[in-house]
Amino acid sequence: MASGAEPVREFFSIGDVCELTDLKPHVLRYWESQFRFLSPSKNRSGNRVYTRREVELVMLVKHLLYTEKYTIEGAKQKVDEQRKSGGVKPAARQGLDTETVVLLEKDLREILDILERKD
């Protein structure tokens, strides 16, 4: 009775988050020092363990910094405003959706480049 769907993951390593967000580990570690809400716990080995919510927040920060072109201070203020109004989760999801589209578009361009070279 296998449905074929993978179980929903709740915890992610820094490597997983880097792969999901297309960010380097040093960027994530720097953001942790700048955004107090990004504070993944550590496992017994001392490795960072991100929750699904933290991954969404990373995507929101990435969206604010890279797409909306906020400064770090501006992004902090924007997230604080959204937290006070209860809008962090929808904003994080919107950021995730936008970044997903951007990454898909990038992947499709790479595939198209490969296909065009084969001609």
Protein backbone atom coordinates (compact mmCIF):
# COMPACT_ATOMS: atom_id res chain seq x y z
CA MET A 1 0.00 0.00 0.00
CA ALA A 2 2.83 2.38 -0.71
CA SER A 3 1.58 5.71 -1.96
CA GLY A 4 4.88 6.53 -3.62
CA ALA A 5 5.04 9.90 -1.91
CA GLU A 6 7.96 10.69 0.34
CA PRO A 7 7.13 11.53 3.95
CA VAL A 8 7.15 15.22 4.81
CA ARG A 9 10.49 16.13 6.36
CA GLU A 10 10.48 18.30 9.45
CA PHE A 11 14.24 18.69 10.00
CA PHE A 12 17.02 19.64 7.61
CA SER A 13 20.82 19.77 7.79
CA ILE A 14 22.68 22.89 6.69
CA GLY A 15 23.62 21.00 3.51
CA ASP A 16 19.95 20.27 2.83
CA VAL A 17 19.05 23.93 3.37
CA CYS A 18 21.88 25.04 1.06
CA GLU A 19 20.59 22.73 -1.65
CA LEU A 20 16.96 23.81 -1.17
CA THR A 21 17.74 27.54 -1.12
CA ASP A 22 20.72 27.69 -3.48
CA LEU A 23 22.77 29.45 -0.78
CA LYS A 24 26.26 28.77 0.55
CA PRO A 25 26.76 27.62 4.18
CA HIS A 26 28.71 30.77 5.08
CA VAL A 27 25.73 32.89 3.94
CA LEU A 28 23.37 30.94 6.21
CA ARG A 29 25.77 31.23 9.14
CA TYR A 30 26.11 34.98 8.55
CA TRP A 31 22.34 35.42 8.38
CA GLU A 32 22.04 33.55 11.69
CA SER A 33 24.24 36.25 13.24
CA GLN A 34 22.09 39.03 11.72
CA PHE A 35 18.54 37.71 12.09
CA ARG A 36 17.72 36.56 15.63
CA PHE A 37 14.80 34.44 14.40
CA LEU A 38 17.22 32.25 12.42
CA SER A 39 18.68 30.13 15.16
CA PRO A 40 18.70 26.44 14.25
CA SER A 41 19.29 24.06 17.10
CA LYS A 42 22.26 21.74 17.05
CA ASN A 43 22.23 17.98 17.28
CA ARG A 44 24.50 15.92 19.54
CA SER A 45 27.27 16.15 16.96
CA GLY A 46 27.05 19.95 16.99
CA ASN A 47 25.57 20.17 13.47
CA ARG A 48 22.83 22.67 12.70
CA VAL A 49 19.32 21.25 12.41
CA TYR A 50 16.77 23.50 10.70
CA THR A 51 13.02 23.11 11.08
CA ARG A 52 10.63 23.49 8.17
CA ARG A 53 9.63 26.92 9.57
CA GLU A 54 13.27 28.04 9.66
CA VAL A 55 13.72 26.98 6.03
CA GLU A 56 10.68 29.07 5.14
CA LEU A 57 12.18 32.02 7.02
CA VAL A 58 15.50 31.57 5.19
CA MET A 59 13.58 31.72 1.92
CA LEU A 60 11.77 34.86 3.10
CA VAL A 61 15.08 36.54 3.98
CA LYS A 62 16.54 35.49 0.63
CA HIS A 63 13.51 36.91 -1.15
CA LEU A 64 13.71 40.20 0.75
CA LEU A 65 17.47 40.60 0.21
CA TYR A 66 17.93 39.26 -3.32
CA THR A 67 14.59 39.86 -5.04
CA GLU A 68 13.12 42.85 -3.21
CA LYS A 69 16.64 44.34 -2.74
CA TYR A 70 16.24 45.20 0.96
CA THR A 71 19.30 45.90 3.07
CA ILE A 72 19.84 43.60 6.04
CA GLU A 73 18.44 46.30 8.34
CA GLY A 74 15.47 46.81 6.03
CA ALA A 75 14.82 43.07 5.88
CA LYS A 76 14.94 42.87 9.70
CA GLN A 77 12.39 45.67 9.96
CA LYS A 78 10.15 44.09 7.31
CA VAL A 79 10.16 40.71 9.06
CA ASP A 80 9.50 42.40 12.43
CA GLU A 81 6.51 44.22 10.91
CA GLN A 82 5.21 40.96 9.46
CA ARG A 83 5.70 39.16 12.78
CA LYS A 84 3.71 41.83 14.64
CA SER A 85 0.87 41.67 12.12
CA GLY A 86 0.88 37.86 12.02
CA GLY A 87 1.90 37.88 8.38
CA VAL A 88 5.23 36.05 8.59
CA LYS A 89 3.91 32.66 7.54
CA PRO A 90 2.09 33.92 4.42
CA ALA A 91 5.07 36.14 3.55
CA ALA A 92 7.49 33.24 4.04
CA ARG A 93 5.33 31.03 1.84
CA GLN A 94 5.11 33.75 -0.81
CA GLY A 95 8.88 34.14 -0.69
CA LEU A 96 9.25 30.38 -1.02
CA ASP A 97 6.86 30.32 -3.98
CA THR A 98 8.68 33.18 -5.71
CA GLU A 99 12.10 31.63 -5.13
CA THR A 100 10.82 28.25 -6.33
CA VAL A 101 9.68 29.83 -9.59
CA VAL A 102 13.03 31.63 -9.98
CA LEU A 103 14.95 28.38 -9.39
CA LEU A 104 12.70 26.44 -11.79
CA GLU A 105 13.20 29.10 -14.43
CA LYS A 106 16.98 28.91 -13.96
CA ASP A 107 16.90 25.10 -14.24
CA LEU A 108 14.75 25.25 -17.36
CA ARG A 109 17.16 27.73 -18.99
CA GLU A 110 20.07 25.38 -18.24
CA ILE A 111 18.16 22.46 -19.77
CA LEU A 112 17.32 24.56 -22.82
CA ASP A 113 21.00 25.54 -23.20
CA ILE A 114 21.99 21.85 -23.09
CA LEU A 115 19.35 20.92 -25.65
CA GLU A 116 20.34 23.76 -27.98
CA ARG A 117 24.00 22.67 -27.86
CA LYS A 118 23.05 19.19 -29.04
CA ASP A 119 21.66 20.52 -32.32
